[in-house]
C-alpha atoms as a PDB file:
ATOM      1  CA  MET A   1      10.042  -2.459 -45.757  1.00  0.00           C
ATOM      2  CA  VAL A   2       6.219  -2.518 -45.627  1.00  0.00           C
ATOM      3  CA  THR A   3       4.423  -0.158 -48.115  1.00  0.00           C
ATOM      4  CA  LEU A   4       1.458   0.956 -48.508  1.00  0.00           C
ATOM      5  CA  LYS A   5       0.078  -1.308 -50.999  1.00  0.00           C
ATOM      6  CA  ASP A   6       1.085  -3.843 -48.626  1.00  0.00           C
ATOM      7  CA  VAL A   7      -1.510  -2.231 -46.174  1.00  0.00           C
ATOM      8  CA  ALA A   8      -3.871  -1.872 -48.531  1.00  0.00           C
ATOM      9  CA  LYS A   9      -3.558  -5.922 -49.585  1.00  0.00           C
ATOM     10  CA  LEU A  10      -3.432  -7.184 -45.722  1.00  0.00           C
ATOM     11  CA  ALA A  11      -6.549  -4.577 -45.395  1.00  0.00           C
ATOM     12  CA  GLY A  12      -8.381  -5.813 -48.641  1.00  0.00           C
ATOM     13  CA  VAL A  13      -8.719  -2.029 -50.103  1.00  0.00           C
ATOM     14  CA  SER A  14      -7.293  -0.025 -52.577  1.00  0.00           C
ATOM     15  CA  PRO A  15      -4.134   1.832 -51.835  1.00  0.00           C
ATOM     16  CA  CYS A  16      -5.994   4.769 -51.985  1.00  0.00           C
ATOM     17  CA  THR A  17      -8.295   4.192 -49.322  1.00  0.00           C
ATOM     18  CA  VAL A  18      -5.121   3.662 -47.111  1.00  0.00           C
ATOM     19  CA  SER A  19      -4.195   7.468 -48.017  1.00  0.00           C
ATOM     20  CA  ARG A  20      -7.755   8.155 -47.236  1.00  0.00           C
ATOM     21  CA  VAL A  21      -7.696   6.926 -43.729  1.00  0.00           C
ATOM     22  CA  LEU A  22      -4.096   8.454 -43.308  1.00  0.00           C
ATOM     23  CA  SER A  23      -4.934  12.398 -43.943  1.00  0.00           C
ATOM     24  CA  ARG A  24      -8.131  12.013 -43.106  1.00  0.00           C
ATOM     25  CA  LYS A  25      -9.531  14.061 -45.742  1.00  0.00           C
ATOM     26  CA  ALA A  26     -12.300  11.812 -47.244  1.00  0.00           C
ATOM     27  CA  PRO A  27     -14.659   9.835 -45.461  1.00  0.00           C
ATOM     28  CA  VAL A  28     -14.253   5.939 -44.924  1.00  0.00           C
ATOM     29  CA  GLN A  29     -16.731   3.713 -43.701  1.00  0.00           C
ATOM     30  CA  GLU A  30     -15.646   2.996 -39.931  1.00  0.00           C
ATOM     31  CA  LYS A  31     -15.458  -0.725 -40.795  1.00  0.00           C
ATOM     32  CA  THR A  32     -13.062   0.133 -43.460  1.00  0.00           C
ATOM     33  CA  ARG A  33     -11.315   2.598 -41.459  1.00  0.00           C
ATOM     34  CA  GLN A  34     -10.627  -0.256 -37.934  1.00  0.00           C
ATOM     35  CA  ARG A  35      -9.517  -2.746 -40.574  1.00  0.00           C
ATOM     36  CA  VAL A  36      -6.840  -0.822 -42.181  1.00  0.00           C
ATOM     37  CA  LEU A  37      -5.773   0.501 -38.829  1.00  0.00           C
ATOM     38  CA  GLU A  38      -4.971  -2.444 -37.972  1.00  0.00           C
ATOM     39  CA  SER A  39      -3.409  -3.823 -40.521  1.00  0.00           C
ATOM     40  CA  ILE A  40      -0.566  -0.488 -40.365  1.00  0.00           C
ATOM     41  CA  LYS A  41      -0.469  -1.947 -36.800  1.00  0.00           C
ATOM     42  CA  GLU A  42       0.077  -5.560 -37.419  1.00  0.00           C
ATOM     43  CA  LEU A  43       2.459  -4.901 -39.805  1.00  0.00           C
ATOM     44  CA  ASN A  44       4.108  -1.915 -37.930  1.00  0.00           C
ATOM     45  CA  TYR A  45       3.613   0.278 -41.333  1.00  0.00           C
ATOM     46  CA  PHE A  46       5.373   3.936 -40.596  1.00  0.00           C
ATOM     47  CA  PRO A  47       4.449   6.160 -43.621  1.00  0.00           C
ATOM     48  CA  ASN A  48       6.986   8.047 -45.535  1.00  0.00           C
ATOM     49  CA  LEU A  49       7.493  11.434 -44.113  1.00  0.00           C
ATOM     50  CA  SER A  50       9.906  12.571 -46.723  1.00  0.00           C
ATOM     51  CA  ALA A  51       7.677  11.737 -49.522  1.00  0.00           C
ATOM     52  CA  ARG A  52       4.356  13.238 -48.229  1.00  0.00           C
ATOM     53  CA  ALA A  53       5.878  16.148 -47.321  1.00  0.00           C
ATOM     54  CA  LEU A  54       7.084  17.570 -50.658  1.00  0.00           C
ATOM     55  CA  LYS A  55       3.718  16.588 -51.959  1.00  0.00           C
ATOM     56  CA  GLU A  56       1.731  17.959 -49.407  1.00  0.00           C
ATOM     57  CA  GLY A  57       3.942  20.220 -48.077  1.00  0.00           C
ATOM     58  CA  LYS A  58       3.389  19.022 -44.503  1.00  0.00           C
ATOM     59  CA  THR A  59       4.833  15.689 -42.536  1.00  0.00           C
ATOM     60  CA  LYS A  60       1.797  14.764 -39.942  1.00  0.00           C
ATOM     61  CA  THR A  61       4.180  14.936 -37.396  1.00  0.00           C
ATOM     62  CA  ILE A  62       4.486  16.552 -33.676  1.00  0.00           C
ATOM     63  CA  GLY A  63       7.340  17.738 -31.917  1.00  0.00           C
ATOM     64  CA  PHE A  64       6.500  17.471 -27.965  1.00  0.00           C
ATOM     65  CA  PHE A  65       8.922  19.027 -25.487  1.00  0.00           C
ATOM     66  CA  ILE A  66       9.222  17.567 -22.280  1.00  0.00           C
ATOM     67  CA  PRO A  67      11.211  18.892 -19.230  1.00  0.00           C
ATOM     68  CA  ASN A  68      12.234  15.937 -17.256  1.00  0.00           C
ATOM     69  CA  LEU A  69      11.699  12.052 -18.379  1.00  0.00           C
ATOM     70  CA  GLN A  70      12.163  10.996 -15.078  1.00  0.00           C
ATOM     71  CA  ASN A  71       9.960  12.543 -13.236  1.00  0.00           C
ATOM     72  CA  LEU A  72       6.710  10.075 -14.169  1.00  0.00           C
ATOM     73  CA  ILE A  73       4.339  12.396 -15.215  1.00  0.00           C
ATOM     74  CA  TYR A  74       5.979  12.915 -18.242  1.00  0.00           C
ATOM     75  CA  PRO A  75       6.433   9.114 -19.489  1.00  0.00           C
ATOM     76  CA  ILE A  76       1.977   8.725 -19.015  1.00  0.00           C
ATOM     77  CA  LEU A  77       1.579  12.190 -21.066  1.00  0.00           C
ATOM     78  CA  ALA A  78       3.963  10.406 -23.886  1.00  0.00           C
ATOM     79  CA  VAL A  79       2.223   7.450 -23.777  1.00  0.00           C
ATOM     80  CA  ALA A  80      -0.673   9.151 -24.756  1.00  0.00           C
ATOM     81  CA  ILE A  81      -0.112  12.301 -26.490  1.00  0.00           C
ATOM     82  CA  GLN A  82       1.172   9.047 -28.833  1.00  0.00           C
ATOM     83  CA  ALA A  83      -1.904   7.079 -29.182  1.00  0.00           C
ATOM     84  CA  GLU A  84      -3.874   9.919 -29.823  1.00  0.00           C
ATOM     85  CA  ALA A  85      -1.808  11.429 -32.874  1.00  0.00           C
ATOM     86  CA  TRP A  86      -1.505   8.058 -33.968  1.00  0.00           C
ATOM     87  CA  LYS A  87      -5.420   7.799 -33.838  1.00  0.00           C
ATOM     88  CA  HIS A  88      -5.299  10.632 -36.379  1.00  0.00           C
ATOM     89  CA  GLY A  89      -2.297   9.768 -38.795  1.00  0.00           C
ATOM     90  CA  TYR A  90       0.232  11.812 -36.874  1.00  0.00           C
ATOM     91  CA  SER A  91       3.632  10.366 -35.657  1.00  0.00           C
ATOM     92  CA  VAL A  92       5.397  12.319 -32.177  1.00  0.00           C
ATOM     93  CA  ILE A  93       8.849  13.306 -31.638  1.00  0.00           C
ATOM     94  CA  PHE A  94       9.917  13.443 -28.058  1.00  0.00           C
ATOM     95  CA  CYS A  95      12.436  15.706 -26.767  1.00  0.00           C
ATOM     96  CA  ASP A  96      13.432  15.907 -23.448  1.00  0.00           C
ATOM     97  CA  THR A  97      14.924  19.494 -22.365  1.00  0.00           C
ATOM     98  CA  GLN A  98      15.938  18.409 -18.909  1.00  0.00           C
ATOM     99  CA  GLU A  99      14.657  21.856 -17.732  1.00  0.00           C
ATOM    100  CA  SER A 100      17.092  23.645 -20.169  1.00  0.00           C
ATOM    101  CA  GLN A 101      16.366  26.818 -22.518  1.00  0.00           C
ATOM    102  CA  LYS A 102      19.438  25.828 -23.898  1.00  0.00           C
ATOM    103  CA  ILE A 103      18.452  22.387 -24.913  1.00  0.00           C
ATOM    104  CA  GLU A 104      14.840  23.263 -25.803  1.00  0.00           C
ATOM    105  CA  LYS A 105      15.935  26.117 -27.983  1.00  0.00           C
ATOM    106  CA  GLU A 106      18.517  23.754 -30.046  1.00  0.00           C
ATOM    107  CA  TYR A 107      15.974  21.043 -30.164  1.00  0.00           C
ATOM    108  CA  VAL A 108      13.195  23.704 -31.555  1.00  0.00           C
ATOM    109  CA  GLU A 109      15.467  24.433 -34.410  1.00  0.00           C
ATOM    110  CA  LYS A 110      16.561  20.680 -35.251  1.00  0.00           C
ATOM    111  CA  LEU A 111      12.486  20.144 -35.455  1.00  0.00           C
ATOM    112  CA  LYS A 112      11.991  23.262 -37.753  1.00  0.00           C
ATOM    113  CA  GLY A 113      14.177  22.140 -39.805  1.00  0.00           C
ATOM    114  CA  THR A 114      12.480  18.702 -40.429  1.00  0.00           C
ATOM    115  CA  ALA A 115       9.300  20.350 -40.824  1.00  0.00           C
ATOM    116  CA  VAL A 116       7.568  18.971 -37.709  1.00  0.00           C
ATOM    117  CA  ASP A 117       4.219  20.792 -38.160  1.00  0.00           C
ATOM    118  CA  GLY A 118       3.043  21.468 -34.650  1.00  0.00           C
ATOM    119  CA  PHE A 119       4.690  22.038 -31.081  1.00  0.00           C
ATOM    120  CA  ILE A 120       3.201  20.312 -27.626  1.00  0.00           C
ATOM    121  CA  PHE A 121       4.871  21.779 -24.389  1.00  0.00           C
ATOM    122  CA  SER A 122       5.280  21.623 -21.210  1.00  0.00           C
ATOM    123  CA  THR A 123       7.183  24.298 -20.427  1.00  0.00           C
ATOM    124  CA  SER A 124      10.405  24.883 -18.599  1.00  0.00           C
ATOM    125  CA  LEU A 125      10.588  28.298 -16.517  1.00  0.00           C
ATOM    126  CA  VAL A 126       8.039  30.674 -16.939  1.00  0.00           C
ATOM    127  CA  GLY A 127       8.669  33.686 -18.543  1.00  0.00           C
ATOM    128  CA  LYS A 128      12.227  31.861 -20.437  1.00  0.00           C
ATOM    129  CA  ASN A 129      10.241  29.410 -22.032  1.00  0.00           C
ATOM    130  CA  SER A 130       6.761  31.868 -23.556  1.00  0.00           C
ATOM    131  CA  ARG A 131       9.627  33.720 -25.849  1.00  0.00           C
ATOM    132  CA  THR A 132      10.137  30.064 -27.304  1.00  0.00           C
ATOM    133  CA  ILE A 133       6.148  29.789 -27.167  1.00  0.00           C
ATOM    134  CA  LEU A 134       5.843  33.474 -28.947  1.00  0.00           C
ATOM    135  CA  SER A 135       8.322  32.900 -31.652  1.00  0.00           C
ATOM    136  CA  LEU A 136       7.219  29.898 -33.240  1.00  0.00           C
ATOM    137  CA  LYS A 137       3.644  31.097 -33.351  1.00  0.00           C
ATOM    138  CA  GLU A 138       5.395  34.183 -34.736  1.00  0.00           C
ATOM    139  CA  GLU A 139       6.586  31.704 -37.556  1.00  0.00           C
ATOM    140  CA  GLY A 140       3.404  30.699 -37.746  1.00  0.00           C
ATOM    141  CA  TYR A 141       3.354  27.478 -35.944  1.00  0.00           C
ATOM    142  CA  PRO A 142       0.516  26.183 -33.848  1.00  0.00           C
ATOM    143  CA  VAL A 143       1.631  25.247 -30.667  1.00  0.00           C
ATOM    144  CA  VAL A 144      -0.021  24.057 -27.484  1.00  0.00           C
ATOM    145  CA  SER A 145       1.098  23.989 -23.933  1.00  0.00           C
ATOM    146  CA  ILE A 146       0.015  20.837 -21.638  1.00  0.00           C
ATOM    147  CA  MET A 147       0.323  20.605 -17.244  1.00  0.00           C
ATOM    148  CA  ARG A 148       2.332  23.555 -16.523  1.00  0.00           C
ATOM    149  CA  ASP A 149       1.126  27.393 -17.348  1.00  0.00           C
ATOM    150  CA  ASN A 150       3.292  30.227 -19.207  1.00  0.00           C
ATOM    151  CA  ASP A 151       2.937  33.667 -19.808  1.00  0.00           C
ATOM    152  CA  VAL A 152       1.071  32.578 -23.561  1.00  0.00           C
ATOM    153  CA  THR A 153      -2.185  31.839 -21.647  1.00  0.00           C
ATOM    154  CA  THR A 154      -4.105  30.560 -24.927  1.00  0.00           C
ATOM    155  CA  ASN A 155      -4.207  26.692 -26.288  1.00  0.00           C
ATOM    156  CA  THR A 156      -2.812  26.039 -22.971  1.00  0.00           C
ATOM    157  CA  PHE A 157      -4.248  22.453 -20.983  1.00  0.00           C
ATOM    158  CA  VAL A 158      -3.738  22.674 -17.236  1.00  0.00           C
ATOM    159  CA  SER A 159      -4.432  21.010 -13.742  1.00  0.00           C
ATOM    160  CA  ASP A 160      -6.696  23.432 -11.159  1.00  0.00           C
ATOM    161  CA  ASN A 161      -3.369  23.731  -9.481  1.00  0.00           C
ATOM    162  CA  LYS A 162      -4.996  26.603  -6.591  1.00  0.00           C
ATOM    163  CA  TYR A 163      -7.848  24.728  -6.551  1.00  0.00           C
ATOM    164  CA  GLY A 164      -5.469  20.911  -6.015  1.00  0.00           C
ATOM    165  CA  GLY A 165      -3.849  23.130  -2.931  1.00  0.00           C
ATOM    166  CA  TYR A 166      -6.497  24.460  -1.348  1.00  0.00           C
ATOM    167  CA  LEU A 167      -8.341  20.503  -0.957  1.00  0.00           C
ATOM    168  CA  ALA A 168      -5.194  19.619   0.154  1.00  0.00           C
ATOM    169  CA  ALA A 169      -5.311  21.714   2.826  1.00  0.00           C
ATOM    170  CA  ARG A 170      -8.765  21.451   3.321  1.00  0.00           C
ATOM    171  CA  TYR A 171      -8.421  17.426   3.761  1.00  0.00           C
ATOM    172  CA  LEU A 172      -5.068  17.777   6.701  1.00  0.00           C
ATOM    173  CA  ILE A 173      -7.909  20.058   8.198  1.00  0.00           C
ATOM    174  CA  GLU A 174     -10.458  18.047   8.573  1.00  0.00           C
ATOM    175  CA  LYS A 175      -8.141  15.133   9.372  1.00  0.00           C
ATOM    176  CA  GLY A 176      -7.317  17.520  12.592  1.00  0.00           C
ATOM    177  CA  HIS A 177      -3.979  18.617  11.945  1.00  0.00           C
ATOM    178  CA  ARG A 178      -3.223  21.751  12.330  1.00  0.00           C
ATOM    179  CA  ASN A 179       0.204  22.521  11.947  1.00  0.00           C
ATOM    180  CA  ILE A 180       1.124  21.811   8.753  1.00  0.00           C
ATOM    181  CA  ALA A 181       4.117  22.714   6.141  1.00  0.00           C
ATOM    182  CA  THR A 182       4.796  22.525   2.701  1.00  0.00           C
ATOM    183  CA  VAL A 183       7.675  21.561   0.484  1.00  0.00           C
ATOM    184  CA  TYR A 184       7.233  22.459  -3.090  1.00  0.00           C
ATOM    185  CA  GLY A 185       9.826  23.020  -5.816  1.00  0.00           C
ATOM    186  CA  ASN A 186      11.500  25.924  -8.218  1.00  0.00           C
ATOM    187  CA  PRO A 187       8.904  28.500  -7.215  1.00  0.00           C
ATOM    188  CA  LEU A 188       9.684  29.299 -11.203  1.00  0.00           C
ATOM    189  CA  LEU A 189       7.511  27.204 -12.121  1.00  0.00           C
ATOM    190  CA  ALA A 190       3.886  28.442 -11.853  1.00  0.00           C
ATOM    191  CA  LEU A 191       2.283  25.275 -10.607  1.00  0.00           C
ATOM    192  CA  TYR A 192       3.855  25.498  -7.107  1.00  0.00           C
ATOM    193  CA  PRO A 193       3.050  29.042  -6.613  1.00  0.00           C
ATOM    194  CA  GLN A 194      -0.809  28.139  -7.690  1.00  0.00           C
ATOM    195  CA  ARG A 195      -0.462  25.235  -5.573  1.00  0.00           C
ATOM    196  CA  THR A 196       0.435  27.186  -2.139  1.00  0.00           C
ATOM    197  CA  GLU A 197      -2.153  29.654  -3.209  1.00  0.00           C
ATOM    198  CA  GLY A 198      -4.222  27.222  -2.787  1.00  0.00           C
ATOM    199  CA  PHE A 199      -2.719  25.759   0.485  1.00  0.00           C
ATOM    200  CA  TYR A 200      -2.736  29.291   2.673  1.00  0.00           C
ATOM    201  CA  GLU A 201      -6.261  29.833   0.857  1.00  0.00           C
ATOM    202  CA  GLY A 202      -7.561  26.507   2.725  1.00  0.00           C
ATOM    203  CA  LEU A 203      -5.825  27.372   5.982  1.00  0.00           C
ATOM    204  CA  ALA A 204      -7.245  30.813   6.013  1.00  0.00           C
ATOM    205  CA  ARG A 205     -10.643  29.245   5.922  1.00  0.00           C
ATOM    206  CA  SER A 206     -10.181  27.736   8.999  1.00  0.00           C
ATOM    207  CA  GLY A 207      -8.244  30.902  10.645  1.00  0.00           C
ATOM    208  CA  MET A 208      -4.859  29.847  10.076  1.00  0.00           C
ATOM    209  CA  GLU A 209      -2.602  31.620   9.097  1.00  0.00           C
ATOM    210  CA  PRO A 210       0.856  30.443   6.672  1.00  0.00           C
ATOM    211  CA  ASN A 211       4.109  29.823   8.921  1.00  0.00           C
ATOM    212  CA  PRO A 212       6.452  30.996   7.041  1.00  0.00           C
ATOM    213  CA  ASP A 213       8.810  28.612   8.465  1.00  0.00           C
ATOM    214  CA  LEU A 214       6.958  25.744   7.528  1.00  0.00           C
ATOM    215  CA  ALA A 215       7.299  26.634   4.164  1.00  0.00           C
ATOM    216  CA  TRP A 216      10.062  24.738   2.186  1.00  0.00           C
ATOM    217  CA  GLN A 217      11.854  24.772  -1.333  1.00  0.00           C
ATOM    218  CA  CYS A 218      13.755  22.140  -2.390  1.00  0.00           C
ATOM    219  CA  ASP A 219      15.864  21.684  -5.635  1.00  0.00           C
ATOM    220  CA  CYS A 220      13.832  18.870  -6.944  1.00  0.00           C
ATOM    221  CA  LYS A 221      16.551  18.048  -9.815  1.00  0.00           C
ATOM    222  CA  GLN A 222      19.522  17.041  -7.070  1.00  0.00           C
ATOM    223  CA  LYS A 223      18.561  13.641  -5.822  1.00  0.00           C
ATOM    224  CA  TYR A 224      18.001  13.127  -2.440  1.00  0.00           C
ATOM    225  CA  GLU A 225      17.630  16.910  -1.955  1.00  0.00           C
ATOM    226  CA  VAL A 226      14.196  16.544  -0.578  1.00  0.00           C
ATOM    227  CA  GLN A 227      15.006  13.988   2.014  1.00  0.00           C
ATOM    228  CA  ARG A 228      18.213  16.013   2.798  1.00  0.00           C
ATOM    229  CA  LEU A 229      16.009  18.786   3.167  1.00  0.00           C
ATOM    230  CA  VAL A 230      13.245  17.680   5.492  1.00  0.00           C
ATOM    231  CA  ALA A 231      15.761  15.218   7.335  1.00  0.00           C
ATOM    232  CA  GLN A 232      17.376  18.242   8.232  1.00  0.00           C
ATOM    233  CA  LYS A 233      14.286  20.942   8.990  1.00  0.00           C
ATOM    234  CA  LEU A 234      13.445  17.537  11.600  1.00  0.00           C
ATOM    235  CA  LYS A 235      17.070  17.780  13.126  1.00  0.00           C
ATOM    236  CA  GLU A 236      16.332  21.207  13.682  1.00  0.00           C
ATOM    237  CA  GLY A 237      13.493  20.640  15.850  1.00  0.00           C
ATOM    238  CA  TYR A 238      10.387  21.614  13.506  1.00  0.00           C
ATOM    239  CA  ARG A 239       7.329  18.785  14.176  1.00  0.00           C
ATOM    240  CA  PRO A 240       4.678  19.687  11.831  1.00  0.00           C
ATOM    241  CA  ASP A 241       1.734  17.157  11.918  1.00  0.00           C
ATOM    242  CA  ALA A 242       1.157  16.587   8.186  1.00  0.00           C
ATOM    243  CA  ILE A 243       2.957  17.867   5.199  1.00  0.00           C
ATOM    244  CA  PHE A 244       1.920  19.030   1.871  1.00  0.00           C
ATOM    245  CA  ALA A 245       4.091  17.841  -0.500  1.00  0.00           C
ATOM    246  CA  GLN A 246       3.619  19.335  -3.891  1.00  0.00           C
ATOM    247  CA  SER A 247       4.159  16.592  -6.231  1.00  0.00           C
ATOM    248  CA  ASP A 248       4.343  12.918  -5.888  1.00  0.00           C
ATOM    249  CA  PRO A 249       7.849  12.223  -6.270  1.00  0.00           C
ATOM    250  CA  ILE A 250       8.162  14.955  -3.268  1.00  0.00           C
ATOM    251  CA  ALA A 251       5.890  13.434  -1.202  1.00  0.00           C
ATOM    252  CA  ILE A 252       7.592   9.942  -1.338  1.00  0.00           C
ATOM    253  CA  ASP A 253      10.744  11.540  -0.251  1.00  0.00           C
ATOM    254  CA  VAL A 254       9.445  13.518   2.047  1.00  0.00           C
ATOM    255  CA  LYS A 255       8.194   9.779   3.208  1.00  0.00           C
ATOM    256  CA  ILE A 256      11.262   8.079   3.199  1.00  0.00           C
ATOM    257  CA  ALA A 257      12.833  11.215   5.003  1.00  0.00           C
ATOM    258  CA  ILE A 258      10.203  10.688   8.249  1.00  0.00           C
ATOM    259  CA  THR A 259      10.543   7.087   8.778  1.00  0.00           C
ATOM    260  CA  SER A 260      14.230   7.231   7.996  1.00  0.00           C
ATOM    261  CA  PHE A 261      14.056   9.902  11.453  1.00  0.00           C
ATOM    262  CA  GLY A 262      12.591   7.333  12.760  1.00  0.00           C
ATOM    263  CA  LEU A 263       9.168   8.732  12.914  1.00  0.00           C
ATOM    264  CA  LYS A 264       5.979   7.051  11.464  1.00  0.00           C
ATOM    265  CA  VAL A 265       3.497   8.308   8.443  1.00  0.00           C
ATOM    266  CA  PRO A 266       0.713   9.185   9.154  1.00  0.00           C
ATOM    267  CA  GLN A 267       0.847   8.515  13.100  1.00  0.00           C
ATOM    268  CA  ASP A 268       3.241  11.547  13.636  1.00  0.00           C
ATOM    269  CA  ILE A 269       3.177  12.994  10.690  1.00  0.00           C
ATOM    270  CA  ALA A 270       1.252  13.011   7.747  1.00  0.00           C
ATOM    271  CA  VAL A 271       1.739  13.183   4.301  1.00  0.00           C
ATOM    272  CA  ILE A 272      -0.435  14.143   1.321  1.00  0.00           C
ATOM    273  CA  GLY A 273       0.853  14.454  -2.580  1.00  0.00           C
ATOM    274  CA  PHE A 274      -0.471  15.936  -5.608  1.00  0.00           C
ATOM    275  CA  ASP A 275      -0.400  13.644  -9.171  1.00  0.00           C
ATOM    276  CA  ASN A 276      -1.526  10.288  -8.084  1.00  0.00           C
ATOM    277  CA  VAL A 277       1.125   8.794 -11.101  1.00  0.00           C
ATOM    278  CA  GLY A 278       1.295   5.163 -11.242  1.00  0.00           C
ATOM    279  CA  TYR A 279       3.655   4.505  -8.361  1.00  0.00           C
ATOM    280  CA  SER A 280       1.451   6.279  -5.800  1.00  0.00           C
ATOM    281  CA  GLU A 281      -0.880   3.208  -5.235  1.00  0.00           C
ATOM    282  CA  ASN A 282       2.675   1.370  -4.085  1.00  0.00           C
ATOM    283  CA  PHE A 283       3.859   4.218  -1.803  1.00  0.00           C
ATOM    284  CA  ASP A 284       0.211   3.859   0.128  1.00  0.00           C
ATOM    285  CA  LEU A 285      -0.055   7.547  -0.998  1.00  0.00           C
ATOM    286  CA  THR A 286      -2.729   9.798  -0.332  1.00  0.00           C
ATOM    287  CA  THR A 287      -2.641  12.968  -3.238  1.00  0.00           C
ATOM    288  CA  VAL A 288      -4.157  14.887  -4.866  1.00  0.00           C
ATOM    289  CA  GLU A 289      -5.469  13.268  -8.662  1.00  0.00           C
ATOM    290  CA  GLN A 290      -4.573  15.268 -11.651  1.00  0.00           C
ATOM    291  CA  PRO A 291      -6.786  14.034 -15.074  1.00  0.00           C
ATOM    292  CA  PHE A 292      -3.078  13.613 -17.399  1.00  0.00           C
ATOM    293  CA  ILE A 293      -4.155  11.220 -20.064  1.00  0.00           C
ATOM    294  CA  GLN A 294      -7.685  13.700 -20.736  1.00  0.00           C
ATOM    295  CA  ILE A 295      -5.711  16.344 -20.398  1.00  0.00           C
ATOM    296  CA  ALA A 296      -2.733  14.707 -22.940  1.00  0.00           C
ATOM    297  CA  ASN A 297      -6.048  13.345 -25.033  1.00  0.00           C
ATOM    298  CA  ASP A 298      -7.333  17.335 -25.444  1.00  0.00           C
ATOM    299  CA  ALA A 299      -4.563  19.143 -26.085  1.00  0.00           C
ATOM    300  CA  THR A 300      -3.167  16.750 -28.697  1.00  0.00           C
ATOM    301  CA  ALA A 301      -6.628  15.936 -30.914  1.00  0.00           C
ATOM    302  CA  HIS A 302      -7.249  20.427 -30.311  1.00  0.00           C
ATOM    303  CA  LEU A 303      -3.357  20.475 -32.059  1.00  0.00           C
ATOM    304  CA  ILE A 304      -4.364  18.400 -34.826  1.00  0.00           C
ATOM    305  CA  ASP A 305      -7.920  20.245 -35.696  1.00  0.00           C
ATOM    306  CA  ILE A 306      -5.545  23.120 -35.579  1.00  0.00           C
ATOM    307  CA  LEU A 307      -3.122  21.747 -38.279  1.00  0.00           C
ATOM    308  CA  GLU A 308      -6.937  20.155 -39.911  1.00  0.00           C
ATOM    309  CA  GLN A 309      -8.183  23.910 -39.973  1.00  0.00           C
ATOM    310  CA  ARG A 310     -11.040  22.382 -38.000  1.00  0.00           C
ATOM    311  CA  ALA A 311     -10.249  24.753 -34.986  1.00  0.00           C
ATOM    312  CA  SER A 312      -9.019  28.101 -34.102  1.00  0.00           C
ATOM    313  CA  PRO A 313      -5.274  28.988 -33.605  1.00  0.00           C
ATOM    314  CA  VAL A 314      -6.046  30.694 -30.269  1.00  0.00           C
ATOM    315  CA  GLN A 315      -8.340  29.254 -28.050  1.00  0.00           C
ATOM    316  CA  PRO A 316      -8.732  30.477 -24.374  1.00  0.00           C
ATOM    317  CA  GLU A 317      -6.463  28.178 -21.815  1.00  0.00           C
ATOM    318  CA  LYS A 318      -8.684  24.931 -20.519  1.00  0.00           C
ATOM    319  CA  VAL A 319      -8.855  24.186 -16.451  1.00  0.00           C
ATOM    320  CA  TYR A 320      -9.393  20.340 -15.637  1.00  0.00           C
ATOM    321  CA  PRO A 321     -10.781  19.609 -12.306  1.00  0.00           C
ATOM    322  CA  VAL A 322      -8.628  17.712  -9.491  1.00  0.00           C
ATOM    323  CA  ARG A 323      -9.422  15.652  -6.660  1.00  0.00           C
ATOM    324  CA  ILE A 324      -8.008  13.774  -3.474  1.00  0.00           C
ATOM    325  CA  ILE A 325      -7.454  10.220  -4.059  1.00  0.00           C
ATOM    326  CA  GLU A 326      -7.965   9.073   0.028  1.00  0.00           C
ATOM    327  CA  ARG A 327      -5.169   6.268   0.851  1.00  0.00           C
ATOM    328  CA  GLY A 328      -3.171   5.882   4.224  1.00  0.00           C
ATOM    329  CA  SER A 329      -0.045   8.190   4.491  1.00  0.00           C
ATOM    330  CA  ALA A 330      -2.638  11.136   5.612  1.00  0.00           C
END
């Protein structure tokens, strides 16, 4: 088992210096700090959290709650959060709640029992998850929310979902499309109503009224549900000339449904998504890009600043700009 002394020996410093680098409680020259961090990485050293918790009253561990690990947004966020936390001497425990409040609550109780210092949430359903967050705050746990709005608007880091929907509408209209559908997931997730609101505002700017018959809600958790829904709409005779799919996973399934029906993208129906995750380029998907890495880094750094008493535990919501990434689907 690698010890702190092993790290000190490899880095050519004292064990006290390694402790200072890990705790960040005392200044260390940057060259020395980098040498220690490189030694930690080379030896794959992990601090003894139990011993440190007894000594310092904290574990330097963060809990990150992921609603659905199959959505590729969350592996991206997880990697970024872990990297940012590690830079500051913190570890991260990941919990996939599967969009279940019951699982979420069970994870919270387990992590509280292991003396996790703070939490990062990508929330489940509005109103339900908020009670969990409020309860944790009342117990004195610092909590930060990312990517998804909830009823607790402090310490929240999100993309500008409404403006993203607006951009999608304006982009499609400028391409000459007028009969535009939208496909979205659970409306209890705030991001979908926000994107829909922006989308409708974009239509209204060109004097276009929202068509309820072209607003298609689906259960995104069910495999092939998006494809089934879009195929059914096409069979019923609906022929939008463009579709705003309110996430990239939805957009890819929309494309599959269109081509399986014998139509072409974008010649017959243009498709624009929302996310710009890694595989979006492989599907030549025009999409609204969210700054995942920046959001993850900023949220993690802010939580650590709260834990280290360098920031107020109550900060207003931070909203990040989005932009269109143009490819071949629209």
